[in-house]
Amino acid sequence: MNDTCPTYRHYTALREQAKRAGDYSKATDDEVLRRRHPSHTVHIPRQPEGRTA
């Protein structure tokens, strides 16, 4: 665990925020990004609700 990395802490905070909001899909996405950090290089933003790609 890397609690000193700002990006790691950011993903952790986003995950917790999503969990509190009841958005478990987003929480899972943030957890995956947190676990992959720093080895991942691409972050694909989620589409706004109600829009499809």
C-alpha atoms as a PDB file:
ATOM      1  CA  MET A   1       0.000   0.000   0.000  1.00  0.00           C
ATOM      2  CA  ASN A   2       1.305   3.452  -0.892  1.00  0.00           C
ATOM      3  CA  ASP A   3      -0.421   5.985   1.371  1.00  0.00           C
ATOM      4  CA  THR A   4       2.133   8.684   0.532  1.00  0.00           C
ATOM      5  CA  CYS A   5       1.224   8.907  -3.182  1.00  0.00           C
ATOM      6  CA  PRO A   6      -1.302  11.696  -3.897  1.00  0.00           C
ATOM      7  CA  THR A   7      -2.839   9.807  -6.831  1.00  0.00           C
ATOM      8  CA  TYR A   8      -3.290   6.673  -4.714  1.00  0.00           C
ATOM      9  CA  ARG A   9      -4.981   8.726  -1.987  1.00  0.00           C
ATOM     10  CA  HIS A  10      -7.152  10.442  -4.621  1.00  0.00           C
ATOM     11  CA  TYR A  11      -8.450   7.118  -5.974  1.00  0.00           C
ATOM     12  CA  THR A  12      -9.089   5.947  -2.417  1.00  0.00           C
ATOM     13  CA  ALA A  13     -11.090   9.108  -1.668  1.00  0.00           C
ATOM     14  CA  LEU A  14     -13.079   8.760  -4.897  1.00  0.00           C
ATOM     15  CA  ARG A  15     -13.852   5.133  -4.046  1.00  0.00           C
ATOM     16  CA  GLU A  16     -15.097   6.054  -0.579  1.00  0.00           C
ATOM     17  CA  GLN A  17     -17.168   8.940  -1.940  1.00  0.00           C
ATOM     18  CA  ALA A  18     -18.803   6.652  -4.506  1.00  0.00           C
ATOM     19  CA  LYS A  19     -19.549   4.034  -1.825  1.00  0.00           C
ATOM     20  CA  ARG A  20     -21.209   6.652   0.380  1.00  0.00           C
ATOM     21  CA  ALA A  21     -23.305   7.751  -2.608  1.00  0.00           C
ATOM     22  CA  GLY A  22     -24.349   4.149  -3.270  1.00  0.00           C
ATOM     23  CA  ASP A  23     -22.570   4.031  -6.645  1.00  0.00           C
ATOM     24  CA  TYR A  24     -20.830   0.692  -6.220  1.00  0.00           C
ATOM     25  CA  SER A  25     -19.974   0.441  -9.915  1.00  0.00           C
ATOM     26  CA  LYS A  26     -17.970   3.687  -9.688  1.00  0.00           C
ATOM     27  CA  ALA A  27     -16.435   2.538  -6.401  1.00  0.00           C
ATOM     28  CA  THR A  28     -15.257  -0.644  -8.117  1.00  0.00           C
ATOM     29  CA  ASP A  29     -13.839   1.342 -11.040  1.00  0.00           C
ATOM     30  CA  ASP A  30     -11.896   3.573  -8.638  1.00  0.00           C
ATOM     31  CA  GLU A  31     -10.616   0.538  -6.728  1.00  0.00           C
ATOM     32  CA  VAL A  32      -9.330  -1.018  -9.951  1.00  0.00           C
ATOM     33  CA  LEU A  33      -7.517   2.205 -10.852  1.00  0.00           C
ATOM     34  CA  ARG A  34      -6.080   2.458  -7.333  1.00  0.00           C
ATOM     35  CA  ARG A  35      -4.777  -1.101  -7.449  1.00  0.00           C
ATOM     36  CA  ARG A  36      -3.257  -0.630 -10.896  1.00  0.00           C
ATOM     37  CA  HIS A  37      -1.559   2.635  -9.997  1.00  0.00           C
ATOM     38  CA  PRO A  38       1.169   3.467 -10.962  1.00  0.00           C
ATOM     39  CA  SER A  39       1.404   0.737 -13.594  1.00  0.00           C
ATOM     40  CA  HIS A  40      -1.597   1.955 -15.604  1.00  0.00           C
ATOM     41  CA  THR A  41      -1.087   4.640 -18.208  1.00  0.00           C
ATOM     42  CA  VAL A  42      -4.571   5.317 -19.544  1.00  0.00           C
ATOM     43  CA  HIS A  43      -7.573   6.562 -17.601  1.00  0.00           C
ATOM     44  CA  ILE A  44     -10.829   6.269 -19.524  1.00  0.00           C
ATOM     45  CA  PRO A  45     -13.412   8.640 -18.026  1.00  0.00           C
ATOM     46  CA  ARG A  46     -16.910   7.353 -17.431  1.00  0.00           C
ATOM     47  CA  GLN A  47     -19.709   8.593 -19.653  1.00  0.00           C
ATOM     48  CA  PRO A  48     -22.190  10.942 -17.945  1.00  0.00           C
ATOM     49  CA  GLU A  49     -25.347   9.191 -16.790  1.00  0.00           C
ATOM     50  CA  GLY A  50     -28.019   8.913 -19.454  1.00  0.00           C
ATOM     51  CA  ARG A  51     -25.561   9.044 -22.335  1.00  0.00           C
ATOM     52  CA  THR A  52     -24.328   6.100 -24.309  1.00  0.00           C
ATOM     53  CA  ALA A  53     -21.204   5.843 -26.384  1.00  0.00           C
END
